[in-house]
Every structure is written in C-alpha cells, then in structure tokens.
Amino acid sequence: MQSCMKKLHFCYGHRLPGNSGKCSTLHGHNAVVEVHATPLATSENQNLAELNSQGMVIDFSVIKEKIGSWIDEHWDHTTILAEQDVETVQLLRQCPGVKNPFLLPGNPTAENLANYLLHVVCPRELKRTGIVVHKIVFWETDSCFAEESLDPYSESARNYYE
C-alpha cells in the first residue's frame, strides 16, 4: 500500500471535565496532526488502489487546503470543549474574541479529536478526491499522541469517500 502523510500544526485550548488531575483546568497545547492518506480502492477492484496521473497519492496542498483550512477555521486558536461542559461554554462565550468554543460530542481528548478528524472531518472535506484518510496521529505534546485508523480497503472507507 502506498500512502502519504501531511503534518498540520495548530494551537488550541481545552479542559477535561471529570479528570482527577490538572487537565480538568483550562489549558492549551501546540498540536501536530498527521494526516495519512492512500488512494481509494474501487468497488470493482477492492484491493487495488492506484496513484493519480502525476504519480502521487494526492497533492499535499489539497490536504493542507481542505483539512488545514478546516482546522484553522474551527480549532486553531480556540477552545475545544465537550458539549456537556455547559458552564465552561457559557463562561467562554462571554469573553471577547472572534471564535466561539468548538463543541465536541465527547471529552476533547487527543483520542476523541483524532477520531473526529478521521470519521467526520476528513470524509466530509475530502470526499470524491480519490483518496482515503486511513490514519490520524494527533500529537497533543512532543511526547504524547493518540492514533486512530481504519482499513482503507473496507466498504465503510469506500462509503465515506466515494
């Protein structure tokens, strides 16, 4: 399997309600996201995925434009909170600033952020580009990351991206 990877950098704040440590307090990170992509296999030839006419999985600028722009608009220099963290959401909406907090269905852990990118953002932003994002590596710090992946040849992957 041939694949490529694009790194994207951004800054965000979050907190983890219910965490018994210091992560229950609002704090920030300089995140790095690795977006791993492979060519989309066709339903006729499920295990054969080909490079594009230029010999690439995809031009890296497309990932930067689509996923990088989504991150810039929704996550960069904002606070990512759990939808259930109502008091913090209300508090932050009173603060001056351009961006409202981004509300995630679950706690904004590195694992849940990687999952959201892989299963929600990437399929929506990269549908019909001829690729499958099969892995997201979400670096919360220089030494801590979470990884979420899917089988790029699965029917669910094809359904996401066709």
N, C-alpha and C. Protein backbone atom coordinates (compact mmCIF):
# COMPACT_ATOMS: atom_id res chain seq x y z
N MET A 1 0.85 -1.18 0.00
CA MET A 1 0.00 0.00 0.00
C MET A 1 0.89 1.24 0.00
N GLN A 2 0.64 2.11 -0.95
CA GLN A 2 1.35 3.38 -0.97
C GLN A 2 0.51 4.39 -0.22
N SER A 3 1.19 5.24 0.54
CA SER A 3 0.47 6.28 1.28
C SER A 3 1.35 7.52 1.38
N CYS A 4 0.73 8.60 1.79
CA CYS A 4 1.46 9.83 2.04
C CYS A 4 0.95 10.41 3.35
N MET A 5 1.71 11.36 3.89
CA MET A 5 1.34 11.97 5.16
C MET A 5 1.63 13.46 5.11
N LYS A 6 0.69 14.25 5.59
CA LYS A 6 0.85 15.70 5.70
C LYS A 6 0.71 16.08 7.16
N LYS A 7 1.67 16.87 7.67
CA LYS A 7 1.60 17.37 9.05
C LYS A 7 0.96 18.75 9.06
N LEU A 8 0.08 18.94 10.04
CA LEU A 8 -0.59 20.22 10.23
C LEU A 8 -0.38 20.65 11.68
N HIS A 9 -0.07 21.91 11.89
CA HIS A 9 0.21 22.45 13.22
C HIS A 9 -0.86 23.46 13.60
N PHE A 10 -1.27 23.43 14.86
CA PHE A 10 -2.21 24.45 15.34
C PHE A 10 -2.16 24.53 16.86
N CYS A 11 -2.72 25.60 17.39
CA CYS A 11 -2.77 25.83 18.84
C CYS A 11 -4.23 25.83 19.28
N TYR A 12 -4.48 25.20 20.42
CA TYR A 12 -5.86 25.15 20.93
C TYR A 12 -5.85 25.05 22.45
N GLY A 13 -6.99 25.36 23.03
CA GLY A 13 -7.18 25.18 24.46
C GLY A 13 -8.28 24.16 24.69
N HIS A 14 -8.25 23.54 25.85
CA HIS A 14 -9.32 22.61 26.22
C HIS A 14 -9.27 22.34 27.71
N ARG A 15 -10.22 21.57 28.17
CA ARG A 15 -10.18 21.03 29.52
C ARG A 15 -10.93 19.71 29.50
N LEU A 16 -10.63 18.86 30.46
CA LEU A 16 -11.25 17.55 30.52
C LEU A 16 -12.06 17.43 31.81
N PRO A 17 -13.35 17.77 31.74
CA PRO A 17 -14.18 17.66 32.94
C PRO A 17 -14.17 16.21 33.45
N GLY A 18 -14.10 16.08 34.75
CA GLY A 18 -14.07 14.76 35.35
C GLY A 18 -12.68 14.17 35.50
N ASN A 19 -11.67 14.83 34.92
CA ASN A 19 -10.30 14.36 35.07
C ASN A 19 -9.83 14.67 36.48
N SER A 20 -9.19 13.72 37.12
CA SER A 20 -8.76 13.92 38.51
C SER A 20 -7.46 14.70 38.61
N GLY A 21 -6.81 14.97 37.49
CA GLY A 21 -5.55 15.71 37.50
C GLY A 21 -5.72 17.13 37.02
N LYS A 22 -4.59 17.72 36.63
CA LYS A 22 -4.60 19.12 36.24
C LYS A 22 -5.29 19.39 34.90
N CYS A 23 -5.60 18.34 34.14
CA CYS A 23 -6.27 18.55 32.85
C CYS A 23 -7.73 18.96 32.98
N SER A 24 -8.27 18.97 34.20
CA SER A 24 -9.63 19.47 34.40
C SER A 24 -9.67 21.00 34.36
N THR A 25 -8.50 21.63 34.42
CA THR A 25 -8.38 23.08 34.33
C THR A 25 -8.15 23.48 32.88
N LEU A 26 -8.71 24.62 32.47
CA LEU A 26 -8.46 25.12 31.12
C LEU A 26 -6.95 25.27 30.91
N HIS A 27 -6.48 24.75 29.78
CA HIS A 27 -5.06 24.85 29.43
C HIS A 27 -4.93 24.71 27.91
N GLY A 28 -3.74 24.91 27.39
CA GLY A 28 -3.56 24.88 25.95
C GLY A 28 -2.44 23.98 25.50
N HIS A 29 -2.44 23.69 24.19
CA HIS A 29 -1.43 22.83 23.57
C HIS A 29 -1.05 23.38 22.20
N ASN A 30 0.14 23.04 21.77
CA ASN A 30 0.58 23.23 20.40
C ASN A 30 0.51 21.86 19.73
N ALA A 31 -0.54 21.63 19.00
CA ALA A 31 -0.81 20.31 18.44
C ALA A 31 -0.17 20.13 17.07
N VAL A 32 0.13 18.88 16.76
CA VAL A 32 0.54 18.47 15.43
C VAL A 32 -0.36 17.31 15.04
N VAL A 33 -0.95 17.40 13.86
CA VAL A 33 -1.79 16.34 13.34
C VAL A 33 -1.13 15.78 12.10
N GLU A 34 -0.98 14.46 12.08
CA GLU A 34 -0.51 13.76 10.89
C GLU A 34 -1.72 13.18 10.18
N VAL A 35 -1.89 13.56 8.92
CA VAL A 35 -2.99 13.05 8.10
C VAL A 35 -2.38 12.06 7.11
N HIS A 36 -2.68 10.77 7.29
CA HIS A 36 -2.15 9.70 6.43
C HIS A 36 -3.21 9.31 5.42
N ALA A 37 -2.85 9.32 4.13
CA ALA A 37 -3.81 9.03 3.07
C ALA A 37 -3.25 7.99 2.11
N THR A 38 -4.17 7.27 1.48
CA THR A 38 -3.84 6.29 0.46
C THR A 38 -4.87 6.41 -0.66
N PRO A 39 -4.54 5.96 -1.87
CA PRO A 39 -5.54 6.03 -2.94
C PRO A 39 -6.77 5.19 -2.60
N LEU A 40 -7.91 5.67 -3.05
CA LEU A 40 -9.18 4.97 -2.83
C LEU A 40 -9.26 3.78 -3.77
N ALA A 41 -9.49 2.60 -3.19
CA ALA A 41 -9.71 1.40 -4.00
C ALA A 41 -11.12 1.45 -4.55
N THR A 42 -11.30 0.96 -5.76
CA THR A 42 -12.63 0.96 -6.36
C THR A 42 -13.41 -0.24 -5.86
N SER A 43 -14.72 -0.15 -5.95
CA SER A 43 -15.54 -1.28 -5.52
C SER A 43 -15.36 -2.48 -6.45
N GLU A 44 -14.99 -2.24 -7.71
CA GLU A 44 -14.74 -3.34 -8.64
C GLU A 44 -13.42 -4.06 -8.31
N ASN A 45 -12.44 -3.31 -7.88
CA ASN A 45 -11.12 -3.89 -7.61
C ASN A 45 -10.73 -3.47 -6.20
N GLN A 46 -11.28 -4.14 -5.21
CA GLN A 46 -11.24 -3.70 -3.82
C GLN A 46 -9.84 -3.58 -3.24
N ASN A 47 -8.88 -4.36 -3.70
CA ASN A 47 -7.56 -4.31 -3.10
C ASN A 47 -6.53 -3.61 -3.97
N LEU A 48 -6.97 -2.96 -5.04
CA LEU A 48 -6.04 -2.27 -5.91
C LEU A 48 -6.36 -0.78 -5.87
N ALA A 49 -5.42 -0.02 -5.40
CA ALA A 49 -5.56 1.43 -5.40
C ALA A 49 -4.38 1.99 -6.17
N GLU A 50 -4.64 2.93 -7.03
CA GLU A 50 -3.59 3.44 -7.90
C GLU A 50 -3.27 4.89 -7.59
N LEU A 51 -2.03 5.26 -7.88
CA LEU A 51 -1.61 6.66 -7.77
C LEU A 51 -2.30 7.46 -8.86
N ASN A 52 -2.38 8.78 -8.67
CA ASN A 52 -3.02 9.60 -9.70
C ASN A 52 -2.12 9.71 -10.93
N SER A 53 -2.57 10.44 -11.93
CA SER A 53 -1.85 10.53 -13.20
C SER A 53 -0.48 11.18 -13.06
N GLN A 54 -0.25 11.90 -11.96
CA GLN A 54 1.05 12.52 -11.71
C GLN A 54 1.95 11.65 -10.85
N GLY A 55 1.49 10.45 -10.51
CA GLY A 55 2.29 9.54 -9.70
C GLY A 55 2.24 9.85 -8.21
N MET A 56 1.15 10.48 -7.76
CA MET A 56 1.00 10.85 -6.35
C MET A 56 -0.26 10.21 -5.78
N VAL A 57 -0.26 10.05 -4.44
CA VAL A 57 -1.49 9.70 -3.76
C VAL A 57 -2.43 10.89 -3.90
N ILE A 58 -1.94 12.06 -3.53
CA ILE A 58 -2.66 13.33 -3.66
C ILE A 58 -1.63 14.45 -3.51
N ASP A 59 -1.88 15.56 -4.12
CA ASP A 59 -1.01 16.71 -3.92
C ASP A 59 -1.16 17.17 -2.47
N PHE A 60 -0.04 17.31 -1.76
CA PHE A 60 -0.09 17.69 -0.35
C PHE A 60 -0.87 18.99 -0.12
N SER A 61 -0.86 19.86 -1.12
CA SER A 61 -1.57 21.14 -0.97
C SER A 61 -3.08 20.95 -0.83
N VAL A 62 -3.62 19.86 -1.37
CA VAL A 62 -5.05 19.60 -1.25
C VAL A 62 -5.40 19.28 0.21
N ILE A 63 -4.57 18.46 0.85
CA ILE A 63 -4.79 18.15 2.27
C ILE A 63 -4.66 19.41 3.10
N LYS A 64 -3.64 20.23 2.80
CA LYS A 64 -3.47 21.48 3.54
C LYS A 64 -4.66 22.40 3.33
N GLU A 65 -5.11 22.50 2.09
CA GLU A 65 -6.24 23.39 1.78
C GLU A 65 -7.53 22.91 2.44
N LYS A 66 -7.81 21.63 2.35
CA LYS A 66 -9.09 21.11 2.85
C LYS A 66 -9.08 20.88 4.36
N ILE A 67 -8.13 20.10 4.86
CA ILE A 67 -8.11 19.76 6.28
C ILE A 67 -7.46 20.89 7.08
N GLY A 68 -6.38 21.43 6.57
CA GLY A 68 -5.71 22.55 7.26
C GLY A 68 -6.63 23.75 7.40
N SER A 69 -7.38 24.05 6.36
CA SER A 69 -8.32 25.18 6.43
C SER A 69 -9.44 24.91 7.42
N TRP A 70 -9.92 23.66 7.46
CA TRP A 70 -10.97 23.31 8.42
C TRP A 70 -10.44 23.48 9.84
N ILE A 71 -9.25 22.99 10.09
CA ILE A 71 -8.64 23.13 11.43
C ILE A 71 -8.45 24.61 11.77
N ASP A 72 -7.93 25.39 10.82
CA ASP A 72 -7.74 26.83 11.06
C ASP A 72 -9.06 27.51 11.43
N GLU A 73 -10.11 27.16 10.73
CA GLU A 73 -11.41 27.81 10.97
C GLU A 73 -12.05 27.37 12.28
N HIS A 74 -11.96 26.09 12.60
CA HIS A 74 -12.73 25.56 13.72
C HIS A 74 -11.94 25.29 15.01
N TRP A 75 -10.65 24.96 14.90
CA TRP A 75 -9.89 24.55 16.09
C TRP A 75 -8.71 25.44 16.43
N ASP A 76 -8.07 26.05 15.44
CA ASP A 76 -6.86 26.82 15.72
C ASP A 76 -7.19 28.06 16.54
N HIS A 77 -6.43 28.28 17.59
CA HIS A 77 -6.60 29.43 18.48
C HIS A 77 -8.04 29.57 18.99
N THR A 78 -8.60 28.45 19.38
CA THR A 78 -9.90 28.45 20.04
C THR A 78 -9.87 27.41 21.15
N THR A 79 -10.97 27.28 21.84
CA THR A 79 -11.09 26.30 22.91
C THR A 79 -12.04 25.21 22.45
N ILE A 80 -11.60 23.97 22.59
CA ILE A 80 -12.40 22.81 22.22
C ILE A 80 -12.95 22.22 23.51
N LEU A 81 -14.27 22.14 23.59
CA LEU A 81 -14.91 21.67 24.82
C LEU A 81 -15.91 20.56 24.54
N ALA A 82 -16.18 19.75 25.55
CA ALA A 82 -17.25 18.77 25.46
C ALA A 82 -18.58 19.50 25.45
N GLU A 83 -19.51 19.02 24.63
CA GLU A 83 -20.85 19.63 24.58
C GLU A 83 -21.48 19.70 25.97
N GLN A 84 -21.16 18.72 26.81
CA GLN A 84 -21.76 18.63 28.15
C GLN A 84 -21.13 19.61 29.15
N ASP A 85 -20.05 20.27 28.77
CA ASP A 85 -19.36 21.19 29.67
C ASP A 85 -20.03 22.57 29.61
N VAL A 86 -21.30 22.60 29.96
CA VAL A 86 -22.17 23.76 29.77
C VAL A 86 -21.66 25.01 30.48
N GLU A 87 -21.21 24.89 31.71
CA GLU A 87 -20.76 26.07 32.47
C GLU A 87 -19.55 26.72 31.82
N THR A 88 -18.59 25.91 31.37
CA THR A 88 -17.40 26.47 30.72
C THR A 88 -17.76 27.09 29.38
N VAL A 89 -18.65 26.45 28.64
CA VAL A 89 -19.10 27.00 27.36
C VAL A 89 -19.73 28.37 27.58
N GLN A 90 -20.62 28.48 28.55
CA GLN A 90 -21.28 29.76 28.84
C GLN A 90 -20.27 30.81 29.26
N LEU A 91 -19.31 30.43 30.08
CA LEU A 91 -18.28 31.36 30.53
C LEU A 91 -17.45 31.88 29.35
N LEU A 92 -17.01 30.99 28.49
CA LEU A 92 -16.16 31.40 27.36
C LEU A 92 -16.92 32.23 26.33
N ARG A 93 -18.20 32.00 26.20
CA ARG A 93 -18.99 32.80 25.24
C ARG A 93 -19.13 34.25 25.69
N GLN A 94 -18.85 34.52 26.96
CA GLN A 94 -18.89 35.89 27.48
C GLN A 94 -17.57 36.62 27.25
N CYS A 95 -16.52 35.89 26.96
CA CYS A 95 -15.20 36.51 26.77
C CYS A 95 -15.11 37.15 25.39
N PRO A 96 -14.41 38.29 25.31
CA PRO A 96 -14.24 38.90 23.99
C PRO A 96 -13.34 38.01 23.13
N GLY A 97 -13.64 37.97 21.88
CA GLY A 97 -12.85 37.17 20.94
C GLY A 97 -13.65 36.90 19.70
N VAL A 98 -12.97 36.44 18.68
CA VAL A 98 -13.61 36.21 17.39
C VAL A 98 -14.29 34.85 17.34
N LYS A 99 -13.68 33.85 17.95
CA LYS A 99 -14.18 32.48 17.83
C LYS A 99 -14.93 32.02 19.08
N ASN A 100 -16.04 31.35 18.84
CA ASN A 100 -16.73 30.66 19.91
C ASN A 100 -16.02 29.33 20.16
N PRO A 101 -16.20 28.73 21.32
CA PRO A 101 -15.62 27.41 21.55
C PRO A 101 -16.18 26.41 20.54
N PHE A 102 -15.36 25.42 20.19
CA PHE A 102 -15.81 24.32 19.35
C PHE A 102 -16.33 23.24 20.29
N LEU A 103 -17.54 22.75 20.04
CA LEU A 103 -18.15 21.76 20.91
C LEU A 103 -18.05 20.37 20.30
N LEU A 104 -17.42 19.48 21.02
CA LEU A 104 -17.20 18.11 20.59
C LEU A 104 -18.22 17.21 21.29
N PRO A 105 -18.71 16.16 20.61
CA PRO A 105 -19.68 15.27 21.26
C PRO A 105 -19.16 14.61 22.54
N GLY A 106 -17.87 14.39 22.67
CA GLY A 106 -17.30 13.79 23.88
C GLY A 106 -16.23 14.68 24.46
N ASN A 107 -15.54 14.18 25.46
CA ASN A 107 -14.44 14.92 26.06
C ASN A 107 -13.37 15.22 25.01
N PRO A 108 -12.79 16.41 24.98
CA PRO A 108 -11.81 16.76 23.95
C PRO A 108 -10.41 16.19 24.23
N THR A 109 -10.34 14.86 24.33
CA THR A 109 -9.06 14.18 24.49
C THR A 109 -8.38 14.06 23.13
N ALA A 110 -7.10 13.78 23.13
CA ALA A 110 -6.40 13.55 21.87
C ALA A 110 -7.04 12.40 21.09
N GLU A 111 -7.48 11.37 21.82
CA GLU A 111 -8.12 10.23 21.17
C GLU A 111 -9.42 10.64 20.47
N ASN A 112 -10.26 11.41 21.16
CA ASN A 112 -11.53 11.84 20.56
C ASN A 112 -11.33 12.84 19.43
N LEU A 113 -10.31 13.69 19.53
CA LEU A 113 -10.03 14.65 18.45
C LEU A 113 -9.53 13.90 17.21
N ALA A 114 -8.68 12.90 17.39
CA ALA A 114 -8.22 12.08 16.26
C ALA A 114 -9.40 11.36 15.62
N ASN A 115 -10.27 10.80 16.44
CA ASN A 115 -11.45 10.10 15.95
C ASN A 115 -12.34 11.04 15.15
N TYR A 116 -12.58 12.24 15.66
CA TYR A 116 -13.44 13.21 14.98
C TYR A 116 -12.85 13.60 13.62
N LEU A 117 -11.55 13.82 13.58
CA LEU A 117 -10.92 14.15 12.30
C LEU A 117 -11.06 13.00 11.30
N LEU A 118 -10.79 11.77 11.75
CA LEU A 118 -10.80 10.63 10.84
C LEU A 118 -12.19 10.28 10.34
N HIS A 119 -13.18 10.30 11.21
CA HIS A 119 -14.50 9.79 10.85
C HIS A 119 -15.52 10.87 10.47
N VAL A 120 -15.23 12.13 10.77
CA VAL A 120 -16.18 13.20 10.45
C VAL A 120 -15.57 14.20 9.47
N VAL A 121 -14.47 14.83 9.87
CA VAL A 121 -13.92 15.94 9.08
C VAL A 121 -13.32 15.47 7.76
N CYS A 122 -12.41 14.52 7.81
CA CYS A 122 -11.72 14.09 6.58
C CYS A 122 -12.68 13.55 5.52
N PRO A 123 -13.62 12.65 5.87
CA PRO A 123 -14.54 12.20 4.82
C PRO A 123 -15.37 13.33 4.21
N ARG A 124 -15.80 14.26 5.04
CA ARG A 124 -16.62 15.37 4.54
C ARG A 124 -15.79 16.30 3.64
N GLU A 125 -14.57 16.60 4.04
CA GLU A 125 -13.76 17.56 3.30
C GLU A 125 -13.04 16.95 2.09
N LEU A 126 -12.79 15.65 2.11
CA LEU A 126 -12.00 15.02 1.05
C LEU A 126 -12.80 14.01 0.22
N LYS A 127 -14.11 14.02 0.37
CA LYS A 127 -14.96 13.12 -0.42
C LYS A 127 -14.73 13.38 -1.91
N ARG A 128 -14.69 12.30 -2.66
CA ARG A 128 -14.52 12.34 -4.13
C ARG A 128 -13.19 12.96 -4.58
N THR A 129 -12.15 12.87 -3.76
CA THR A 129 -10.81 13.33 -4.19
C THR A 129 -9.95 12.16 -4.63
N GLY A 130 -10.47 10.93 -4.51
CA GLY A 130 -9.70 9.76 -4.94
C GLY A 130 -8.80 9.19 -3.86
N ILE A 131 -8.95 9.67 -2.63
CA ILE A 131 -8.12 9.16 -1.54
C ILE A 131 -8.99 8.72 -0.36
N VAL A 132 -8.36 7.99 0.55
CA VAL A 132 -8.93 7.65 1.84
C VAL A 132 -7.93 8.08 2.90
N VAL A 133 -8.36 8.85 3.87
CA VAL A 133 -7.52 9.12 5.03
C VAL A 133 -7.70 7.91 5.93
N HIS A 134 -6.63 7.14 6.08
CA HIS A 134 -6.73 5.89 6.82
C HIS A 134 -6.16 5.97 8.23
N LYS A 135 -5.46 7.07 8.51
CA LYS A 135 -4.91 7.21 9.86
C LYS A 135 -4.72 8.67 10.20
N ILE A 136 -5.04 9.00 11.44
CA ILE A 136 -4.76 10.31 12.03
C ILE A 136 -3.90 10.07 13.26
N VAL A 137 -2.79 10.76 13.33
CA VAL A 137 -1.97 10.76 14.55
C VAL A 137 -2.06 12.17 15.11
N PHE A 138 -2.59 12.27 16.32
CA PHE A 138 -2.82 13.57 16.95
C PHE A 138 -1.80 13.74 18.08
N TRP A 139 -0.81 14.59 17.85
CA TRP A 139 0.22 14.88 18.85
C TRP A 139 -0.26 16.03 19.73
N GLU A 140 -0.58 15.72 20.98
CA GLU A 140 -1.01 16.74 21.93
C GLU A 140 0.20 17.50 22.48
N THR A 141 1.30 16.79 22.70
CA THR A 141 2.57 17.38 23.11
C THR A 141 3.66 16.68 22.31
N ASP A 142 4.91 17.09 22.53
CA ASP A 142 6.03 16.46 21.83
C ASP A 142 6.20 14.98 22.18
N SER A 143 5.65 14.57 23.32
CA SER A 143 5.86 13.18 23.75
C SER A 143 4.57 12.38 23.92
N CYS A 144 3.42 12.97 23.60
CA CYS A 144 2.14 12.27 23.79
C CYS A 144 1.27 12.38 22.54
N PHE A 145 0.83 11.23 22.04
CA PHE A 145 -0.05 11.25 20.88
C PHE A 145 -1.10 10.17 20.99
N ALA A 146 -2.15 10.35 20.21
CA ALA A 146 -3.19 9.34 20.05
C ALA A 146 -3.31 9.05 18.56
N GLU A 147 -3.65 7.83 18.25
CA GLU A 147 -3.74 7.41 16.86
C GLU A 147 -5.08 6.73 16.62
N GLU A 148 -5.69 7.08 15.51
CA GLU A 148 -6.97 6.48 15.11
C GLU A 148 -6.81 6.05 13.66
N SER A 149 -7.21 4.82 13.34
CA SER A 149 -7.05 4.35 11.97
C SER A 149 -8.24 3.52 11.53
N LEU A 150 -8.33 3.33 10.22
CA LEU A 150 -9.35 2.47 9.64
C LEU A 150 -8.75 1.72 8.47
N ASP A 151 -9.38 0.63 8.09
CA ASP A 151 -8.93 -0.17 6.96
C ASP A 151 -9.31 0.56 5.68
N PRO A 152 -8.32 1.03 4.91
CA PRO A 152 -8.65 1.82 3.71
C PRO A 152 -9.35 1.02 2.62
N TYR A 153 -9.31 -0.32 2.73
CA TYR A 153 -9.95 -1.15 1.72
C TYR A 153 -11.33 -1.65 2.14
N SER A 154 -11.79 -1.19 3.29
CA SER A 154 -13.10 -1.64 3.79
C SER A 154 -14.24 -0.95 3.05
N GLU A 155 -15.39 -1.58 3.11
CA GLU A 155 -16.58 -0.99 2.50
C GLU A 155 -16.94 0.33 3.16
N SER A 156 -16.77 0.42 4.48
CA SER A 156 -17.09 1.67 5.17
C SER A 156 -16.18 2.81 4.72
N ALA A 157 -14.90 2.51 4.47
CA ALA A 157 -13.99 3.55 3.96
C ALA A 157 -14.44 4.02 2.58
N ARG A 158 -14.81 3.08 1.72
CA ARG A 158 -15.30 3.47 0.38
C ARG A 158 -16.57 4.31 0.51
N ASN A 159 -17.46 3.91 1.42
CA ASN A 159 -18.70 4.68 1.61
C ASN A 159 -18.41 6.09 2.10
N TYR A 160 -17.40 6.26 2.94
CA TYR A 160 -17.02 7.60 3.40
C TYR A 160 -16.58 8.50 2.26
N TYR A 161 -15.84 7.93 1.31
CA TYR A 161 -15.10 8.76 0.35
C TYR A 161 -15.60 8.74 -1.08
N GLU A 162 -16.47 7.81 -1.45
CA GLU A 162 -16.96 7.77 -2.84
C GLU A 162 -18.04 8.82 -3.07
